[in-house]
């Protein structure tokens, strides 16, 4: 990992851009570092998502958490995937026609992304955890929810996850969710047009965790209430603090 730029934000947060191989990413650390780490999941396009990601990171930093993210495969300036682009076009056509979105479309859109992204996010942990600014446990926060599920299954360094239920989920991922045992806090926008509410509920039901909480709010995809950020920080404080068991 190579740091390429840094800036001190007005709330005492240090923001540093880096490359992990050829993958761009951003690390935010609070003035109170060393700090537990949150991996910020997102749907891809770091430049486009930056305002929302930075807002989430700064809100987390105010509660004593570091945060980091990397660009997803096929997004931003990374090489596009012809398979994903075709699946995305098929998805748009199905939604525009009011047709059911087939399992085949969902699999072609999501599964290659999960397979490619999972080792990259694990490599991100390899690079970040030795830094003196990072200490304690790791949480995952955000989407793509299928990536969060896969990481919760295969990555023992992740102790808790806050998952955004806002994307289609392959049936194989729902089956893998039965292997998830870490504490979960799941956000669902009830009126999220273009996404399958019942699929999100089926996924939540499948999780094997003994502690799992679902917060459902009225509104569309980007209408998550601001107070949910506070609830998420409290969730991570319970599970990532030095006194968490």
Protein backbone atom coordinates (compact mmCIF):
# COMPACT_ATOMS: atom_id res chain seq x y z
CA UNK A 1 0.00 0.00 0.00
CA UNK A 2 1.29 3.45 -0.93
CA UNK A 3 -0.10 6.73 0.42
CA UNK A 4 -0.40 9.30 -2.36
CA UNK A 5 -2.04 12.38 -0.76
CA UNK A 6 -3.28 13.64 2.58
CA UNK A 7 -5.28 16.47 4.05
CA UNK A 8 -6.29 17.49 7.56
CA UNK A 9 -10.03 18.09 7.74
CA UNK A 10 -11.50 20.77 9.95
CA UNK A 11 -12.73 18.32 12.58
CA UNK A 12 -9.28 16.89 13.28
CA UNK A 13 -9.65 13.93 10.92
CA UNK A 14 -6.69 12.99 8.75
CA UNK A 15 -7.77 11.87 5.27
CA UNK A 16 -5.22 9.99 3.22
CA UNK A 17 -5.54 8.65 -0.29
CA UNK A 18 -3.65 5.50 -1.17
CA UNK A 19 -3.24 2.81 -3.76
CA UNK A 20 -3.36 -0.88 -2.90
CA UNK A 21 -1.54 -2.26 -5.90
CA UNK A 22 -3.51 -0.49 -8.63
CA UNK A 23 -6.68 -0.10 -6.51
CA UNK A 24 -7.44 3.42 -5.21
CA UNK A 25 -8.65 3.88 -1.65
CA UNK A 26 -9.08 6.35 1.20
CA UNK A 27 -8.24 6.11 4.92
CA UNK A 28 -9.70 8.45 7.54
CA UNK A 29 -8.23 8.47 11.06
CA UNK A 30 -9.51 10.48 14.03
CA UNK A 31 -7.41 12.69 16.28
CA UNK A 32 -7.92 10.05 18.97
CA UNK A 33 -6.03 7.39 16.98
CA UNK A 34 -5.12 4.58 17.41
CA UNK A 35 -8.69 3.52 16.77
CA UNK A 36 -10.84 0.54 15.78
CA UNK A 37 -11.38 0.27 12.03
CA UNK A 38 -14.57 0.39 9.97
CA UNK A 39 -14.48 -0.83 6.38
CA UNK A 40 -16.91 1.38 4.45
CA UNK A 41 -18.75 -0.57 1.78
CA UNK A 42 -20.36 1.25 -1.17
CA UNK A 43 -21.85 0.47 -4.61
CA UNK A 44 -18.80 1.62 -6.56
CA UNK A 45 -17.47 4.88 -7.95
CA UNK A 46 -15.30 6.47 -5.27
CA UNK A 47 -15.35 9.89 -6.91
CA UNK A 48 -19.14 9.89 -7.15
CA UNK A 49 -19.61 8.41 -3.69
CA UNK A 50 -16.97 10.55 -1.98
CA UNK A 51 -19.32 13.09 -0.30
CA UNK A 52 -21.40 10.33 1.29
CA UNK A 53 -18.38 8.22 2.23
CA UNK A 54 -16.53 11.17 3.75
CA UNK A 55 -19.62 12.12 5.71
CA UNK A 56 -19.96 8.61 7.07
CA UNK A 57 -16.25 8.47 7.92
CA UNK A 58 -16.23 11.82 9.71
CA UNK A 59 -19.33 10.88 11.68
CA UNK A 60 -17.63 7.65 12.71
CA UNK A 61 -14.39 9.49 13.54
CA UNK A 62 -16.31 11.74 15.94
CA UNK A 63 -17.06 8.58 17.92
CA UNK A 64 -13.45 7.36 17.82
CA UNK A 65 -13.40 5.08 14.75
CA UNK A 66 -11.01 5.03 11.82
CA UNK A 67 -12.56 4.24 8.43
CA UNK A 68 -11.27 3.02 5.09
CA UNK A 69 -12.58 2.04 1.69
CA UNK A 70 -11.36 0.96 -1.74
CA UNK A 71 -12.79 1.13 -5.24
CA UNK A 72 -14.81 -1.88 -6.35
CA UNK A 73 -13.83 -3.99 -9.37
CA UNK A 74 -15.25 -2.57 -12.58
CA UNK A 75 -16.05 0.84 -11.05
CA UNK A 76 -14.48 4.28 -11.20
CA UNK A 77 -11.27 4.24 -13.21
CA UNK A 78 -10.85 0.48 -12.89
CA UNK A 79 -11.39 -1.66 -16.03
CA UNK A 80 -15.06 -2.23 -16.78
CA UNK A 81 -16.55 -5.72 -16.83
CA UNK A 82 -18.44 -6.61 -20.00
CA UNK A 83 -20.36 -9.29 -18.08
CA UNK A 84 -21.46 -6.82 -15.41
CA UNK A 85 -22.41 -4.17 -17.97
CA UNK A 86 -24.61 -6.64 -19.86
CA UNK A 87 -26.22 -7.83 -16.62
CA UNK A 88 -26.85 -4.22 -15.58
CA UNK A 89 -28.48 -3.49 -18.95
CA UNK A 90 -30.66 -6.61 -18.60
CA UNK A 91 -31.62 -5.49 -15.08
CA UNK A 92 -32.64 -2.03 -16.30
CA UNK A 93 -34.73 -3.54 -19.10
CA UNK A 94 -36.53 -5.89 -16.70
CA UNK A 95 -37.29 -3.09 -14.24
CA UNK A 96 -38.48 -0.73 -16.98
CA UNK A 97 -40.82 -3.43 -18.32
CA UNK A 98 -42.14 -4.24 -14.86
CA UNK A 99 -40.86 -7.79 -15.19
CA UNK A 100 -39.40 -9.95 -12.41
CA UNK A 101 -35.62 -9.80 -12.17
CA UNK A 102 -34.40 -13.32 -12.86
CA UNK A 103 -31.90 -15.18 -10.72
CA UNK A 104 -29.65 -15.36 -13.78
CA UNK A 105 -29.43 -11.56 -14.04
CA UNK A 106 -28.74 -11.21 -10.32
CA UNK A 107 -26.06 -13.91 -10.40
CA UNK A 108 -24.29 -12.36 -13.41
CA UNK A 109 -24.36 -8.92 -11.81
CA UNK A 110 -23.38 -9.74 -8.23
CA UNK A 111 -21.44 -13.00 -7.98
CA UNK A 112 -18.40 -12.00 -10.10
CA UNK A 113 -18.18 -8.75 -8.11
CA UNK A 114 -18.18 -10.64 -4.81
CA UNK A 115 -15.59 -13.14 -6.04
CA UNK A 116 -13.25 -10.41 -7.27
CA UNK A 117 -13.75 -7.92 -4.43
CA UNK A 118 -13.48 -10.27 -1.44
CA UNK A 119 -9.72 -10.96 -1.70
CA UNK A 120 -9.10 -7.25 -2.32
CA UNK A 121 -10.85 -6.19 0.89
CA UNK A 122 -9.00 -8.89 2.81
CA UNK A 123 -5.73 -7.55 1.35
CA UNK A 124 -6.81 -4.10 2.54
CA UNK A 125 -7.01 -5.45 6.10
CA UNK A 126 -3.55 -7.00 5.70
CA UNK A 127 -2.22 -3.56 4.78
CA UNK A 128 -4.08 -1.46 7.35
CA UNK A 129 -3.99 -3.48 10.56
CA UNK A 130 -0.21 -3.15 11.09
CA UNK A 131 -0.45 0.68 10.98
CA UNK A 132 0.08 2.36 14.38
CA UNK A 133 -3.07 4.44 13.79
CA UNK A 134 -5.23 1.31 13.81
CA UNK A 135 -5.91 -0.67 16.97
CA UNK A 136 -8.65 -2.97 18.16
CA UNK A 137 -11.38 -4.73 16.28
CA UNK A 138 -12.76 -4.33 12.76
CA UNK A 139 -16.28 -3.71 11.54
CA UNK A 140 -17.84 -3.65 8.07
CA UNK A 141 -20.40 -0.94 7.31
CA UNK A 142 -22.43 -0.51 4.14
CA UNK A 143 -23.00 -2.41 0.91
CA UNK A 144 -22.89 -4.13 -1.49
CA UNK A 145 -24.66 -6.35 1.02
CA UNK A 146 -23.60 -9.58 -0.76
CA UNK A 147 -19.96 -8.54 -0.35
CA UNK A 148 -20.60 -7.84 3.33
CA UNK A 149 -22.12 -11.29 3.74
CA UNK A 150 -19.18 -13.01 2.05
CA UNK A 151 -16.65 -11.08 4.15
CA UNK A 152 -18.56 -11.91 7.33
CA UNK A 153 -18.31 -15.59 6.40
CA UNK A 154 -14.65 -15.81 5.35
CA UNK A 155 -12.88 -13.00 7.25
CA UNK A 156 -12.41 -13.77 10.99
CA UNK A 157 -10.94 -10.32 11.65
CA UNK A 158 -14.36 -8.70 11.14
CA UNK A 159 -16.16 -8.68 14.49
CA UNK A 160 -19.46 -6.98 13.58
CA UNK A 161 -21.25 -5.66 10.49
CA UNK A 162 -23.76 -2.95 9.67
CA UNK A 163 -25.27 -3.94 6.33
CA UNK A 164 -27.25 -1.80 3.88
CA UNK A 165 -30.06 -3.86 2.34
CA UNK A 166 -30.25 -2.02 -0.98
CA UNK A 167 -29.19 -4.39 -3.73
CA UNK A 168 -30.28 -7.66 -5.27
CA UNK A 169 -28.93 -10.78 -3.55
CA UNK A 170 -28.11 -14.09 -5.28
CA UNK A 171 -29.72 -17.18 -3.80
CA UNK A 172 -26.28 -18.64 -3.09
CA UNK A 173 -25.45 -15.61 -0.92
CA UNK A 174 -28.68 -16.11 1.03
CA UNK A 175 -27.58 -19.68 1.69
CA UNK A 176 -24.12 -18.48 2.77
CA UNK A 177 -25.79 -16.07 5.20
CA UNK A 178 -26.68 -19.04 7.37
CA UNK A 179 -22.95 -19.28 8.18
CA UNK A 180 -22.76 -15.69 9.47
CA UNK A 181 -22.48 -15.61 13.26
CA UNK A 182 -21.12 -12.13 14.07
CA UNK A 183 -23.44 -9.40 15.46
CA UNK A 184 -25.41 -7.68 12.69
CA UNK A 185 -27.26 -4.38 12.31
CA UNK A 186 -29.20 -4.25 9.03
CA UNK A 187 -30.74 -1.13 7.46
CA UNK A 188 -33.67 -1.46 5.06
CA UNK A 189 -35.40 1.37 3.19
CA UNK A 190 -38.99 0.17 2.92
CA UNK A 191 -39.81 2.08 -0.29
CA UNK A 192 -36.55 1.38 -2.13
CA UNK A 193 -37.88 1.10 -5.69
CA UNK A 194 -35.90 -1.17 -7.97
CA UNK A 195 -34.83 -3.48 -5.17
CA UNK A 196 -36.58 -6.52 -3.77
CA UNK A 197 -37.85 -5.92 -0.24
CA UNK A 198 -38.84 -9.56 0.26
CA UNK A 199 -35.38 -10.68 -0.80
CA UNK A 200 -33.89 -8.41 1.87
CA UNK A 201 -36.24 -9.87 4.48
CA UNK A 202 -35.38 -13.42 3.38
CA UNK A 203 -31.69 -12.60 3.74
CA UNK A 204 -32.19 -11.20 7.23
CA UNK A 205 -34.13 -14.29 8.22
CA UNK A 206 -31.33 -16.51 6.91
CA UNK A 207 -28.54 -14.94 8.96
CA UNK A 208 -27.22 -17.38 11.55
CA UNK A 209 -26.23 -14.66 14.04
CA UNK A 210 -27.78 -14.84 17.49
CA UNK A 211 -27.63 -11.04 17.64
CA UNK A 212 -29.17 -9.44 14.57
CA UNK A 213 -31.23 -6.26 14.40
CA UNK A 214 -33.27 -4.93 11.48
CA UNK A 215 -34.04 -1.21 11.22
CA UNK A 216 -36.62 -0.52 8.50
CA UNK A 217 -37.43 3.10 7.63
CA UNK A 218 -39.87 4.62 5.19
CA UNK A 219 -38.34 6.23 2.12
CA UNK A 220 -36.31 5.50 -0.97
CA UNK A 221 -32.78 4.25 -1.55
CA UNK A 222 -30.93 7.40 -0.44
CA UNK A 223 -33.39 8.44 2.26
CA UNK A 224 -31.76 6.74 5.27
CA UNK A 225 -32.53 8.96 8.30
CA UNK A 226 -29.54 10.74 9.82
CA UNK A 227 -30.25 9.24 13.24
CA UNK A 228 -29.38 5.81 11.85
CA UNK A 229 -25.75 6.93 11.78
CA UNK A 230 -25.89 7.43 15.54
CA UNK A 231 -27.50 4.02 15.99
CA UNK A 232 -24.77 2.45 13.88
CA UNK A 233 -22.01 4.08 15.92
CA UNK A 234 -23.60 2.80 19.12
CA UNK A 235 -23.74 -0.68 17.61
CA UNK A 236 -20.04 -0.58 16.75
CA UNK A 237 -19.15 0.91 20.14
CA UNK A 238 -20.72 -2.14 21.78
CA UNK A 239 -18.81 -4.62 19.63
CA UNK A 240 -15.51 -2.98 18.69
CA UNK A 241 -14.53 -1.27 21.94
CA UNK A 242 -11.70 -2.58 24.09
CA UNK A 243 -14.23 -3.83 26.65
CA UNK A 244 -16.41 -5.69 24.11
CA UNK A 245 -16.65 -9.44 24.67
